[in-house]
Amino acid sequence: TGKRWECCPEDWHLFKGSCYFFSSDNKDWQSSRDNCTSMGSDLVVITNKEEQDFVENRTNDLYWIGLTDQRKDDEWIWVDGTSYNTSAHFWGPGEPNNYNGNEGCVQIYLPNRKKWND
C-alpha cells in the first residue's frame, strides 16, 4: 500500500524512526549505558532542538544522555562518534562547569529547566 510501518518494543517511544526507552532506574552513567547496550541500544545522542524537545518533554527528574568528556577533560564526545562540534548544544546556565572537578558525564536535569548538566 506504500505505507511504512514503524513500531518499537513495549514501553519504548517512537520518534522520527527511532525508539527511545526512558528508564526509572537510579544508576550512574556507565551502568545506565551498560543497561542500554544490553538492550541493543545506547544512551541518546541529541543532535537537534526537535529531539531535545522530545526527550525533555518525557523527563520528570533526570536522564543520562550519551555525551561525556571522560577520556579527556573538556573534550566532549558522543557515544556514537557524532561530532560534538557540529551538533546542537543545550547546556543549562553555567554548564558545563565540572563542579568539584568530578563531572564528566551529561544528564538532562529538571531543576536546570530540562537543560544539560555535567
PDB file of N, CA and C in Angstrom:
ATOM      1  N   THR A   1       0.825  -1.211   0.000  1.00  0.00           N
ATOM      2  CA  THR A   1       0.000   0.000   0.000  1.00  0.00           C
ATOM      3  C   THR A   1       0.855   1.256   0.000  1.00  0.00           C
ATOM      4  N   GLY A   2       2.167   1.099   0.050  1.00  0.00           N
ATOM      5  CA  GLY A   2       3.036   2.256   0.060  1.00  0.00           C
ATOM      6  C   GLY A   2       3.253   2.852   1.437  1.00  0.00           C
ATOM      7  N   LYS A   3       2.597   2.305   2.450  1.00  0.00           N
ATOM      8  CA  LYS A   3       2.764   2.801   3.808  1.00  0.00           C
ATOM      9  C   LYS A   3       3.941   2.099   4.474  1.00  0.00           C
ATOM     10  N   ARG A   4       4.611   2.804   5.320  1.00  0.00           N
ATOM     11  CA  ARG A   4       5.734   2.252   6.075  1.00  0.00           C
ATOM     12  C   ARG A   4       5.319   2.131   7.534  1.00  0.00           C
ATOM     13  N   TRP A   5       5.374   0.920   8.062  1.00  0.00           N
ATOM     14  CA  TRP A   5       5.002   0.692   9.443  1.00  0.00           C
ATOM     15  C   TRP A   5       6.238   0.750  10.308  1.00  0.00           C
ATOM     16  N   GLU A   6       6.140   1.460  11.401  1.00  0.00           N
ATOM     17  CA  GLU A   6       7.235   1.539  12.356  1.00  0.00           C
ATOM     18  C   GLU A   6       6.680   1.206  13.734  1.00  0.00           C
ATOM     19  N   CYS A   7       7.430   0.403  14.461  1.00  0.00           N
ATOM     20  CA  CYS A   7       6.990   0.097  15.820  1.00  0.00           C
ATOM     21  C   CYS A   7       8.221  -0.084  16.707  1.00  0.00           C
ATOM     22  N   CYS A   8       7.992   0.019  17.977  1.00  0.00           N
ATOM     23  CA  CYS A   8       9.049  -0.112  18.984  1.00  0.00           C
ATOM     24  C   CYS A   8       8.656  -1.208  19.955  1.00  0.00           C
ATOM     25  N   PRO A   9       9.621  -1.742  20.692  1.00  0.00           N
ATOM     26  CA  PRO A   9       9.276  -2.704  21.731  1.00  0.00           C
ATOM     27  C   PRO A   9       8.326  -2.072  22.761  1.00  0.00           C
ATOM     28  N   GLU A  10       7.652  -2.913  23.516  1.00  0.00           N
ATOM     29  CA  GLU A  10       6.740  -2.440  24.545  1.00  0.00           C
ATOM     30  C   GLU A  10       7.470  -1.514  25.516  1.00  0.00           C
ATOM     31  N   ASP A  11       6.830  -0.429  25.902  1.00  0.00           N
ATOM     32  CA  ASP A  11       7.344   0.588  26.833  1.00  0.00           C
ATOM     33  C   ASP A  11       8.413   1.495  26.223  1.00  0.00           C
ATOM     34  N   TRP A  12       8.663   1.398  24.927  1.00  0.00           N
ATOM     35  CA  TRP A  12       9.571   2.298  24.224  1.00  0.00           C
ATOM     36  C   TRP A  12       8.713   3.305  23.468  1.00  0.00           C
ATOM     37  N   HIS A  13       9.303   4.445  23.101  1.00  0.00           N
ATOM     38  CA  HIS A  13       8.576   5.522  22.419  1.00  0.00           C
ATOM     39  C   HIS A  13       9.202   5.776  21.056  1.00  0.00           C
ATOM     40  N   LEU A  14       8.363   5.841  20.026  1.00  0.00           N
ATOM     41  CA  LEU A  14       8.822   6.095  18.664  1.00  0.00           C
ATOM     42  C   LEU A  14       8.906   7.592  18.407  1.00  0.00           C
ATOM     43  N   PHE A  15      10.020   8.026  17.832  1.00  0.00           N
ATOM     44  CA  PHE A  15      10.178   9.421  17.418  1.00  0.00           C
ATOM     45  C   PHE A  15      11.090   9.454  16.202  1.00  0.00           C
ATOM     46  N   LYS A  16      10.564   9.953  15.094  1.00  0.00           N
ATOM     47  CA  LYS A  16      11.343  10.139  13.868  1.00  0.00           C
ATOM     48  C   LYS A  16      12.100   8.867  13.461  1.00  0.00           C
ATOM     49  N   GLY A  17      11.443   7.717  13.554  1.00  0.00           N
ATOM     50  CA  GLY A  17      12.031   6.463  13.106  1.00  0.00           C
ATOM     51  C   GLY A  17      12.973   5.796  14.094  1.00  0.00           C
ATOM     52  N   SER A  18      13.140   6.362  15.295  1.00  0.00           N
ATOM     53  CA  SER A  18      13.985   5.754  16.322  1.00  0.00           C
ATOM     54  C   SER A  18      13.141   5.460  17.551  1.00  0.00           C
ATOM     55  N   CYS A  19      13.568   4.445  18.309  1.00  0.00           N
ATOM     56  CA  CYS A  19      12.873   4.066  19.528  1.00  0.00           C
ATOM     57  C   CYS A  19      13.660   4.535  20.745  1.00  0.00           C
ATOM     58  N   TYR A  20      12.944   5.064  21.736  1.00  0.00           N
ATOM     59  CA  TYR A  20      13.553   5.614  22.944  1.00  0.00           C
ATOM     60  C   TYR A  20      12.957   4.919  24.158  1.00  0.00           C
ATOM     61  N   PHE A  21      13.819   4.590  25.104  1.00  0.00           N
ATOM     62  CA  PHE A  21      13.378   3.971  26.356  1.00  0.00           C
ATOM     63  C   PHE A  21      13.778   4.887  27.500  1.00  0.00           C
ATOM     64  N   PHE A  22      12.819   5.237  28.346  1.00  0.00           N
ATOM     65  CA  PHE A  22      13.072   6.108  29.487  1.00  0.00           C
ATOM     66  C   PHE A  22      13.003   5.252  30.750  1.00  0.00           C
ATOM     67  N   SER A  23      14.142   4.962  31.303  1.00  0.00           N
ATOM     68  CA  SER A  23      14.234   4.088  32.463  1.00  0.00           C
ATOM     69  C   SER A  23      14.052   4.882  33.754  1.00  0.00           C
ATOM     70  N   SER A  24      13.420   4.255  34.730  1.00  0.00           N
ATOM     71  CA  SER A  24      13.287   4.885  36.040  1.00  0.00           C
ATOM     72  C   SER A  24      14.349   4.371  37.012  1.00  0.00           C
ATOM     73  N   ASP A  25      15.277   3.540  36.514  1.00  0.00           N
ATOM     74  CA  ASP A  25      16.359   3.028  37.354  1.00  0.00           C
ATOM     75  C   ASP A  25      17.274   4.155  37.794  1.00  0.00           C
ATOM     76  N   ASN A  26      17.798   4.052  39.003  1.00  0.00           N
ATOM     77  CA  ASN A  26      18.728   5.036  39.537  1.00  0.00           C
ATOM     78  C   ASN A  26      20.136   4.462  39.431  1.00  0.00           C
ATOM     79  N   LYS A  27      20.815   4.775  38.318  1.00  0.00           N
ATOM     80  CA  LYS A  27      22.148   4.235  38.064  1.00  0.00           C
ATOM     81  C   LYS A  27      23.092   5.368  37.686  1.00  0.00           C
ATOM     82  N   ASP A  28      24.396   5.100  37.812  1.00  0.00           N
ATOM     83  CA  ASP A  28      25.366   6.062  37.322  1.00  0.00           C
ATOM     84  C   ASP A  28      25.428   5.984  35.794  1.00  0.00           C
ATOM     85  N   TRP A  29      26.188   6.895  35.191  1.00  0.00           N
ATOM     86  CA  TRP A  29      26.240   6.998  33.734  1.00  0.00           C
ATOM     87  C   TRP A  29      26.682   5.684  33.087  1.00  0.00           C
ATOM     88  N   GLN A  30      27.781   5.104  33.552  1.00  0.00           N
ATOM     89  CA  GLN A  30      28.294   3.888  32.924  1.00  0.00           C
ATOM     90  C   GLN A  30      27.331   2.720  33.094  1.00  0.00           C
ATOM     91  N   SER A  31      26.738   2.565  34.250  1.00  0.00           N
ATOM     92  CA  SER A  31      25.756   1.495  34.461  1.00  0.00           C
ATOM     93  C   SER A  31      24.525   1.698  33.587  1.00  0.00           C
ATOM     94  N   SER A  32      24.123   2.953  33.412  1.00  0.00           N
ATOM     95  CA  SER A  32      22.999   3.257  32.521  1.00  0.00           C
ATOM     96  C   SER A  32      23.347   2.914  31.084  1.00  0.00           C
ATOM     97  N   ARG A  33      24.556   3.250  30.679  1.00  0.00           N
ATOM     98  CA  ARG A  33      24.976   2.914  29.318  1.00  0.00           C
ATOM     99  C   ARG A  33      25.045   1.397  29.140  1.00  0.00           C
ATOM    100  N   ASP A  34      25.587   0.700  30.124  1.00  0.00           N
ATOM    101  CA  ASP A  34      25.656  -0.764  30.054  1.00  0.00           C
ATOM    102  C   ASP A  34      24.256  -1.361  29.927  1.00  0.00           C
ATOM    103  N   ASN A  35      23.298  -0.803  30.665  1.00  0.00           N
ATOM    104  CA  ASN A  35      21.920  -1.267  30.575  1.00  0.00           C
ATOM    105  C   ASN A  35      21.373  -1.064  29.164  1.00  0.00           C
ATOM    106  N   CYS A  36      21.650   0.086  28.590  1.00  0.00           N
ATOM    107  CA  CYS A  36      21.198   0.367  27.218  1.00  0.00           C
ATOM    108  C   CYS A  36      21.805  -0.623  26.222  1.00  0.00           C
ATOM    109  N   THR A  37      23.110  -0.819  26.316  1.00  0.00           N
ATOM    110  CA  THR A  37      23.764  -1.705  25.345  1.00  0.00           C
ATOM    111  C   THR A  37      23.286  -3.150  25.517  1.00  0.00           C
ATOM    112  N   SER A  38      22.904  -3.534  26.736  1.00  0.00           N
ATOM    113  CA  SER A  38      22.371  -4.882  26.933  1.00  0.00           C
ATOM    114  C   SER A  38      21.029  -5.068  26.227  1.00  0.00           C
ATOM    115  N   MET A  39      20.364  -3.958  25.921  1.00  0.00           N
ATOM    116  CA  MET A  39      19.088  -3.997  25.193  1.00  0.00           C
ATOM    117  C   MET A  39      19.282  -3.728  23.702  1.00  0.00           C
ATOM    118  N   GLY A  40      20.544  -3.694  23.249  1.00  0.00           N
ATOM    119  CA  GLY A  40      20.822  -3.453  21.835  1.00  0.00           C
ATOM    120  C   GLY A  40      20.714  -1.992  21.446  1.00  0.00           C
ATOM    121  N   SER A  41      20.895  -1.101  22.387  1.00  0.00           N
ATOM    122  CA  SER A  41      20.746   0.336  22.159  1.00  0.00           C
ATOM    123  C   SER A  41      21.924   1.065  22.780  1.00  0.00           C
ATOM    124  N   ASP A  42      21.784   2.372  22.981  1.00  0.00           N
ATOM    125  CA  ASP A  42      22.802   3.171  23.665  1.00  0.00           C
ATOM    126  C   ASP A  42      22.114   4.400  24.237  1.00  0.00           C
ATOM    127  N   LEU A  43      22.849   5.149  25.039  1.00  0.00           N
ATOM    128  CA  LEU A  43      22.313   6.411  25.555  1.00  0.00           C
ATOM    129  C   LEU A  43      22.019   7.337  24.377  1.00  0.00           C
ATOM    130  N   VAL A  44      21.047   8.198  24.550  1.00  0.00           N
ATOM    131  CA  VAL A  44      20.591   9.064  23.462  1.00  0.00           C
ATOM    132  C   VAL A  44      21.671  10.071  23.045  1.00  0.00           C
ATOM    133  N   VAL A  45      21.758  10.277  21.736  1.00  0.00           N
ATOM    134  CA  VAL A  45      22.617  11.298  21.136  1.00  0.00           C
ATOM    135  C   VAL A  45      21.670  12.355  20.583  1.00  0.00           C
ATOM    136  N   ILE A  46      21.721  13.545  21.154  1.00  0.00           N
ATOM    137  CA  ILE A  46      20.800  14.620  20.783  1.00  0.00           C
ATOM    138  C   ILE A  46      21.496  15.574  19.824  1.00  0.00           C
ATOM    139  N   THR A  47      20.968  15.660  18.610  1.00  0.00           N
ATOM    140  CA  THR A  47      21.646  16.454  17.577  1.00  0.00           C
ATOM    141  C   THR A  47      20.857  17.668  17.108  1.00  0.00           C
ATOM    142  N   ASN A  48      19.622  17.833  17.607  1.00  0.00           N
ATOM    143  CA  ASN A  48      18.831  18.986  17.158  1.00  0.00           C
ATOM    144  C   ASN A  48      17.769  19.345  18.190  1.00  0.00           C
ATOM    145  N   LYS A  49      17.186  20.496  18.054  1.00  0.00           N
ATOM    146  CA  LYS A  49      16.199  21.029  19.006  1.00  0.00           C
ATOM    147  C   LYS A  49      14.956  20.151  19.069  1.00  0.00           C
ATOM    148  N   GLU A  50      14.537  19.624  17.950  1.00  0.00           N
ATOM    149  CA  GLU A  50      13.341  18.782  17.919  1.00  0.00           C
ATOM    150  C   GLU A  50      13.529  17.529  18.788  1.00  0.00           C
ATOM    151  N   GLU A  51      14.699  16.904  18.694  1.00  0.00           N
ATOM    152  CA  GLU A  51      14.974  15.730  19.512  1.00  0.00           C
ATOM    153  C   GLU A  51      15.121  16.118  20.989  1.00  0.00           C
ATOM    154  N   GLN A  52      15.776  17.247  21.258  1.00  0.00           N
ATOM    155  CA  GLN A  52      15.895  17.746  22.635  1.00  0.00           C
ATOM    156  C   GLN A  52      14.512  17.944  23.239  1.00  0.00           C
ATOM    157  N   ASP A  53      13.610  18.572  22.487  1.00  0.00           N
ATOM    158  CA  ASP A  53      12.245  18.806  22.972  1.00  0.00           C
ATOM    159  C   ASP A  53      11.525  17.483  23.244  1.00  0.00           C
ATOM    160  N   PHE A  54      11.674  16.515  22.332  1.00  0.00           N
ATOM    161  CA  PHE A  54      11.047  15.208  22.529  1.00  0.00           C
ATOM    162  C   PHE A  54      11.515  14.573  23.835  1.00  0.00           C
ATOM    163  N   VAL A  55      12.822  14.566  24.068  1.00  0.00           N
ATOM    164  CA  VAL A  55      13.376  13.937  25.270  1.00  0.00           C
ATOM    165  C   VAL A  55      12.998  14.717  26.517  1.00  0.00           C
ATOM    166  N   GLU A  56      13.146  16.027  26.497  1.00  0.00           N
ATOM    167  CA  GLU A  56      12.881  16.799  27.724  1.00  0.00           C
ATOM    168  C   GLU A  56      11.411  16.774  28.110  1.00  0.00           C
ATOM    169  N   ASN A  57      10.523  16.599  27.150  1.00  0.00           N
ATOM    170  CA  ASN A  57       9.091  16.531  27.462  1.00  0.00           C
ATOM    171  C   ASN A  57       8.691  15.210  28.106  1.00  0.00           C
ATOM    172  N   ARG A  58       9.613  14.270  28.177  1.00  0.00           N
ATOM    173  CA  ARG A  58       9.335  12.983  28.798  1.00  0.00           C
ATOM    174  C   ARG A  58      10.132  12.761  30.072  1.00  0.00           C
ATOM    175  N   THR A  59      10.809  13.783  30.547  1.00  0.00           N
ATOM    176  CA  THR A  59      11.620  13.632  31.750  1.00  0.00           C
ATOM    177  C   THR A  59      10.897  14.211  32.952  1.00  0.00           C
ATOM    178  N   ASN A  60      10.992  13.515  34.087  1.00  0.00           N
ATOM    179  CA  ASN A  60      10.407  14.025  35.328  1.00  0.00           C
ATOM    180  C   ASN A  60      11.496  14.423  36.311  1.00  0.00           C
ATOM    181  N   ASP A  61      12.686  13.932  36.140  1.00  0.00           N
ATOM    182  CA  ASP A  61      13.758  14.195  37.093  1.00  0.00           C
ATOM    183  C   ASP A  61      15.054  14.400  36.323  1.00  0.00           C
ATOM    184  N   LEU A  62      15.793  13.324  36.077  1.00  0.00           N
ATOM    185  CA  LEU A  62      16.999  13.439  35.271  1.00  0.00           C
ATOM    186  C   LEU A  62      17.208  12.176  34.459  1.00  0.00           C
ATOM    187  N   TYR A  63      17.831  12.342  33.315  1.00  0.00           N
ATOM    188  CA  TYR A  63      18.183  11.228  32.444  1.00  0.00           C
ATOM    189  C   TYR A  63      19.577  11.456  31.907  1.00  0.00           C
ATOM    190  N   TRP A  64      20.376  10.398  31.907  1.00  0.00           N
ATOM    191  CA  TRP A  64      21.699  10.465  31.291  1.00  0.00           C
ATOM    192  C   TRP A  64      21.542  10.498  29.782  1.00  0.00           C
ATOM    193  N   ILE A  65      22.408  11.259  29.120  1.00  0.00           N
ATOM    194  CA  ILE A  65      22.483  11.239  27.666  1.00  0.00           C
ATOM    195  C   ILE A  65      23.884  10.757  27.279  1.00  0.00           C
ATOM    196  N   GLY A  66      24.073  10.464  26.022  1.00  0.00           N
ATOM    197  CA  GLY A  66      25.308   9.842  25.557  1.00  0.00           C
ATOM    198  C   GLY A  66      26.435  10.806  25.255  1.00  0.00           C
ATOM    199  N   LEU A  67      26.682  11.752  26.157  1.00  0.00           N
ATOM    200  CA  LEU A  67      27.750  12.736  25.981  1.00  0.00           C
ATOM    201  C   LEU A  67      28.674  12.677  27.192  1.00  0.00           C
ATOM    202  N   THR A  68      29.984  12.643  26.935  1.00  0.00           N
ATOM    203  CA  THR A  68      30.949  12.531  28.025  1.00  0.00           C
ATOM    204  C   THR A  68      32.279  13.182  27.650  1.00  0.00           C
ATOM    205  N   ASP A  69      33.032  13.560  28.678  1.00  0.00           N
ATOM    206  CA  ASP A  69      34.417  14.007  28.467  1.00  0.00           C
ATOM    207  C   ASP A  69      35.348  13.176  29.350  1.00  0.00           C
ATOM    208  N   GLN A  70      34.964  11.919  29.606  1.00  0.00           N
ATOM    209  CA  GLN A  70      35.730  11.057  30.488  1.00  0.00           C
ATOM    210  C   GLN A  70      37.127  10.736  29.961  1.00  0.00           C
ATOM    211  N   ARG A  71      37.286  10.697  28.646  1.00  0.00           N
ATOM    212  CA  ARG A  71      38.622  10.401  28.104  1.00  0.00           C
ATOM    213  C   ARG A  71      39.580  11.559  28.299  1.00  0.00           C
ATOM    214  N   LYS A  72      39.072  12.793  28.133  1.00  0.00           N
ATOM    215  CA  LYS A  72      39.903  13.987  28.287  1.00  0.00           C
ATOM    216  C   LYS A  72      39.000  15.144  28.693  1.00  0.00           C
ATOM    217  N   ASP A  73      39.329  15.813  29.831  1.00  0.00           N
ATOM    218  CA  ASP A  73      38.515  16.920  30.312  1.00  0.00           C
ATOM    219  C   ASP A  73      38.273  17.960  29.223  1.00  0.00           C
ATOM    220  N   ASP A  74      37.033  18.420  29.166  1.00  0.00           N
ATOM    221  CA  ASP A  74      36.585  19.463  28.229  1.00  0.00           C
ATOM    222  C   ASP A  74      36.660  19.054  26.767  1.00  0.00           C
ATOM    223  N   GLU A  75      36.826  17.766  26.489  1.00  0.00           N
ATOM    224  CA  GLU A  75      36.768  17.257  25.118  1.00  0.00           C
ATOM    225  C   GLU A  75      35.544  16.347  25.030  1.00  0.00           C
ATOM    226  N   TRP A  76      34.404  16.949  24.743  1.00  0.00           N
ATOM    227  CA  TRP A  76      33.133  16.248  24.752  1.00  0.00           C
ATOM    228  C   TRP A  76      32.998  15.365  23.526  1.00  0.00           C
ATOM    229  N   ILE A  77      32.535  14.136  23.746  1.00  0.00           N
ATOM    230  CA  ILE A  77      32.301  13.204  22.644  1.00  0.00           C
ATOM    231  C   ILE A  77      30.974  12.485  22.862  1.00  0.00           C
ATOM    232  N   TRP A  78      30.283  12.207  21.767  1.00  0.00           N
ATOM    233  CA  TRP A  78      29.047  11.431  21.798  1.00  0.00           C
ATOM    234  C   TRP A  78      29.395   9.952  21.714  1.00  0.00           C
ATOM    235  N   VAL A  79      28.588   9.113  22.350  1.00  0.00           N
ATOM    236  CA  VAL A  79      28.862   7.673  22.396  1.00  0.00           C
ATOM    237  C   VAL A  79      28.884   7.028  21.013  1.00  0.00           C
ATOM    238  N   ASP A  80      28.211   7.599  20.037  1.00  0.00           N
ATOM    239  CA  ASP A  80      28.185   7.012  18.699  1.00  0.00           C
ATOM    240  C   ASP A  80      29.195   7.649  17.743  1.00  0.00           C
ATOM    241  N   GLY A  81      30.014   8.569  18.257  1.00  0.00           N
ATOM    242  CA  GLY A  81      31.013   9.213  17.412  1.00  0.00           C
ATOM    243  C   GLY A  81      30.534  10.467  16.706  1.00  0.00           C
ATOM    244  N   THR A  82      29.262  10.838  16.867  1.00  0.00           N
ATOM    245  CA  THR A  82      28.761  12.080  16.278  1.00  0.00           C
ATOM    246  C   THR A  82      29.611  13.241  16.789  1.00  0.00           C
ATOM    247  N   SER A  83      29.954  14.152  15.890  1.00  0.00           N
ATOM    248  CA  SER A  83      30.797  15.280  16.263  1.00  0.00           C
ATOM    249  C   SER A  83      30.057  16.228  17.210  1.00  0.00           C
ATOM    250  N   TYR A  84      30.652  16.467  18.360  1.00  0.00           N
ATOM    251  CA  TYR A  84      30.087  17.421  19.310  1.00  0.00           C
ATOM    252  C   TYR A  84      30.157  18.831  18.737  1.00  0.00           C
ATOM    253  N   ASN A  85      31.205  19.130  18.009  1.00  0.00           N
ATOM    254  CA  ASN A  85      31.415  20.475  17.485  1.00  0.00           C
ATOM    255  C   ASN A  85      30.383  20.873  16.441  1.00  0.00           C
ATOM    256  N   THR A  86      29.742  19.900  15.785  1.00  0.00           N
ATOM    257  CA  THR A  86      28.760  20.239  14.766  1.00  0.00           C
ATOM    258  C   THR A  86      27.335  19.934  15.205  1.00  0.00           C
ATOM    259  N   SER A  87      27.157  19.376  16.408  1.00  0.00           N
ATOM    260  CA  SER A  87      25.811  19.073  16.890  1.00  0.00           C
ATOM    261  C   SER A  87      25.290  20.239  17.742  1.00  0.00           C
ATOM    262  N   ALA A  88      23.990  20.255  17.939  1.00  0.00           N
ATOM    263  CA  ALA A  88      23.373  21.284  18.774  1.00  0.00           C
ATOM    264  C   ALA A  88      23.755  21.052  20.234  1.00  0.00           C
ATOM    265  N   HIS A  89      23.764  22.124  21.021  1.00  0.00           N
ATOM    266  CA  HIS A  89      24.077  22.045  22.451  1.00  0.00           C
ATOM    267  C   HIS A  89      22.947  22.692  23.236  1.00  0.00           C
ATOM    268  N   PHE A  90      22.610  22.110  24.374  1.00  0.00           N
ATOM    269  CA  PHE A  90      21.507  22.618  25.185  1.00  0.00           C
ATOM    270  C   PHE A  90      21.901  22.685  26.656  1.00  0.00           C
ATOM    271  N   TRP A  91      23.066  23.260  26.928  1.00  0.00           N
ATOM    272  CA  TRP A  91      23.571  23.367  28.296  1.00  0.00           C
ATOM    273  C   TRP A  91      22.694  24.301  29.118  1.00  0.00           C
ATOM    274  N   GLY A  92      22.534  23.972  30.384  1.00  0.00           N
ATOM    275  CA  GLY A  92      21.866  24.862  31.319  1.00  0.00           C
ATOM    276  C   GLY A  92      22.781  26.036  31.640  1.00  0.00           C
ATOM    277  N   PRO A  93      22.273  27.057  32.322  1.00  0.00           N
ATOM    278  CA  PRO A  93      23.081  28.217  32.693  1.00  0.00           C
ATOM    279  C   PRO A  93      24.317  27.802  33.496  1.00  0.00           C
ATOM    280  N   GLY A  94      25.481  28.275  33.091  1.00  0.00           N
ATOM    281  CA  GLY A  94      26.729  27.991  33.795  1.00  0.00           C
ATOM    282  C   GLY A  94      27.313  26.615  33.556  1.00  0.00           C
ATOM    283  N   GLU A  95      26.717  25.847  32.663  1.00  0.00           N
ATOM    284  CA  GLU A  95      27.199  24.496  32.359  1.00  0.00           C
ATOM    285  C   GLU A  95      27.925  24.486  31.011  1.00  0.00           C
ATOM    286  N   PRO A  96      28.819  23.576  30.797  1.00  0.00           N
ATOM    287  CA  PRO A  96      29.368  22.631  31.755  1.00  0.00           C
ATOM    288  C   PRO A  96      30.347  23.341  32.690  1.00  0.00           C
ATOM    289  N   ASN A  97      30.378  22.904  33.943  1.00  0.00           N
ATOM    290  CA  ASN A  97      31.243  23.589  34.909  1.00  0.00           C
ATOM    291  C   ASN A  97      32.200  22.656  35.654  1.00  0.00           C
ATOM    292  N   ASN A  98      32.101  21.349  35.423  1.00  0.00           N
ATOM    293  CA  ASN A  98      32.979  20.372  36.078  1.00  0.00           C
ATOM    294  C   ASN A  98      33.053  20.623  37.583  1.00  0.00           C
ATOM    295  N   TYR A  99      31.902  20.802  38.217  1.00  0.00           N
ATOM    296  CA  TYR A  99      31.792  21.108  39.637  1.00  0.00           C
ATOM    297  C   TYR A  99      32.630  20.139  40.477  1.00  0.00           C
ATOM    298  N   ASN A 100      33.443  20.684  41.347  1.00  0.00           N
ATOM    299  CA  ASN A 100      34.353  19.911  42.203  1.00  0.00           C
ATOM    300  C   ASN A 100      35.314  19.020  41.421  1.00  0.00           C
ATOM    301  N   GLY A 101      35.507  19.333  40.144  1.00  0.00           N
ATOM    302  CA  GLY A 101      36.441  18.565  39.327  1.00  0.00           C
ATOM    303  C   GLY A 101      36.010  17.134  39.108  1.00  0.00           C
ATOM    304  N   ASN A 102      34.704  16.874  39.228  1.00  0.00           N
ATOM    305  CA  ASN A 102      34.246  15.493  39.202  1.00  0.00           C
ATOM    306  C   ASN A 102      32.998  15.308  38.338  1.00  0.00           C
ATOM    307  N   GLU A 103      32.889  16.031  37.238  1.00  0.00           N
ATOM    308  CA  GLU A 103      31.725  15.879  36.371  1.00  0.00           C
ATOM    309  C   GLU A 103      32.194  15.651  34.934  1.00  0.00           C
ATOM    310  N   GLY A 104      32.002  14.450  34.454  1.00  0.00           N
ATOM    311  CA  GLY A 104      32.446  14.124  33.113  1.00  0.00           C
ATOM    312  C   GLY A 104      31.382  13.482  32.252  1.00  0.00           C
ATOM    313  N   CYS A 105      30.155  13.418  32.758  1.00  0.00           N
ATOM    314  CA  CYS A 105      29.045  12.833  32.017  1.00  0.00           C
ATOM    315  C   CYS A 105      27.895  13.831  32.032  1.00  0.00           C
ATOM    316  N   VAL A 106      26.961  13.681  31.095  1.00  0.00           N
ATOM    317  CA  VAL A 106      25.916  14.696  30.924  1.00  0.00           C
ATOM    318  C   VAL A 106      24.535  14.094  31.133  1.00  0.00           C
ATOM    319  N   GLN A 107      23.688  14.878  31.787  1.00  0.00           N
ATOM    320  CA  GLN A 107      22.306  14.488  32.029  1.00  0.00           C
ATOM    321  C   GLN A 107      21.379  15.642  31.670  1.00  0.00           C
ATOM    322  N   ILE A 108      20.151  15.287  31.335  1.00  0.00           N
ATOM    323  CA  ILE A 108      19.084  16.281  31.244  1.00  0.00           C
ATOM    324  C   ILE A 108      18.495  16.340  32.639  1.00  0.00           C
ATOM    325  N   TYR A 109      18.445  17.527  33.201  1.00  0.00           N
ATOM    326  CA  TYR A 109      18.161  17.691  34.621  1.00  0.00           C
ATOM    327  C   TYR A 109      17.024  18.673  34.815  1.00  0.00           C
ATOM    328  N   LEU A 110      15.971  18.246  35.488  1.00  0.00           N
ATOM    329  CA  LEU A 110      14.770  19.054  35.673  1.00  0.00           C
ATOM    330  C   LEU A 110      15.026  20.417  36.316  1.00  0.00           C
ATOM    331  N   PRO A 111      15.774  20.526  37.431  1.00  0.00           N
ATOM    332  CA  PRO A 111      15.955  21.853  38.025  1.00  0.00           C
ATOM    333  C   PRO A 111      16.653  22.856  37.093  1.00  0.00           C
ATOM    334  N   ASN A 112      17.384  22.385  36.096  1.00  0.00           N
ATOM    335  CA  ASN A 112      18.025  23.285  35.132  1.00  0.00           C
ATOM    336  C   ASN A 112      17.095  23.560  33.957  1.00  0.00           C
ATOM    337  N   ARG A 113      15.807  23.542  34.206  1.00  0.00           N
ATOM    338  CA  ARG A 113      14.807  23.753  33.163  1.00  0.00           C
ATOM    339  C   ARG A 113      14.969  22.749  32.034  1.00  0.00           C
ATOM    340  N   LYS A 114      15.316  21.495  32.407  1.00  0.00           N
ATOM    341  CA  LYS A 114      15.457  20.390  31.466  1.00  0.00           C
ATOM    342  C   LYS A 114      16.556  20.638  30.441  1.00  0.00           C
ATOM    343  N   LYS A 115      17.579  21.298  30.860  1.00  0.00           N
ATOM    344  CA  LYS A 115      18.749  21.501  30.004  1.00  0.00           C
ATOM    345  C   LYS A 115      19.850  20.563  30.449  1.00  0.00           C
ATOM    346  N   TRP A 116      20.977  20.594  29.752  1.00  0.00           N
ATOM    347  CA  TRP A 116      22.069  19.688  30.060  1.00  0.00           C
ATOM    348  C   TRP A 116      22.865  20.161  31.268  1.00  0.00           C
ATOM    349  N   ASN A 117      23.272  19.191  32.060  1.00  0.00           N
ATOM    350  CA  ASN A 117      24.092  19.414  33.244  1.00  0.00           C
ATOM    351  C   ASN A 117      25.216  18.392  33.226  1.00  0.00           C
ATOM    352  N   ASP A 118      26.470  18.860  33.439  1.00  0.00           N
ATOM    353  CA  ASP A 118      27.558  17.872  33.526  1.00  0.00           C
ATOM    354  C   ASP A 118      27.713  17.404  34.946  1.00  0.00           C
TER     355      ASP A 118
END
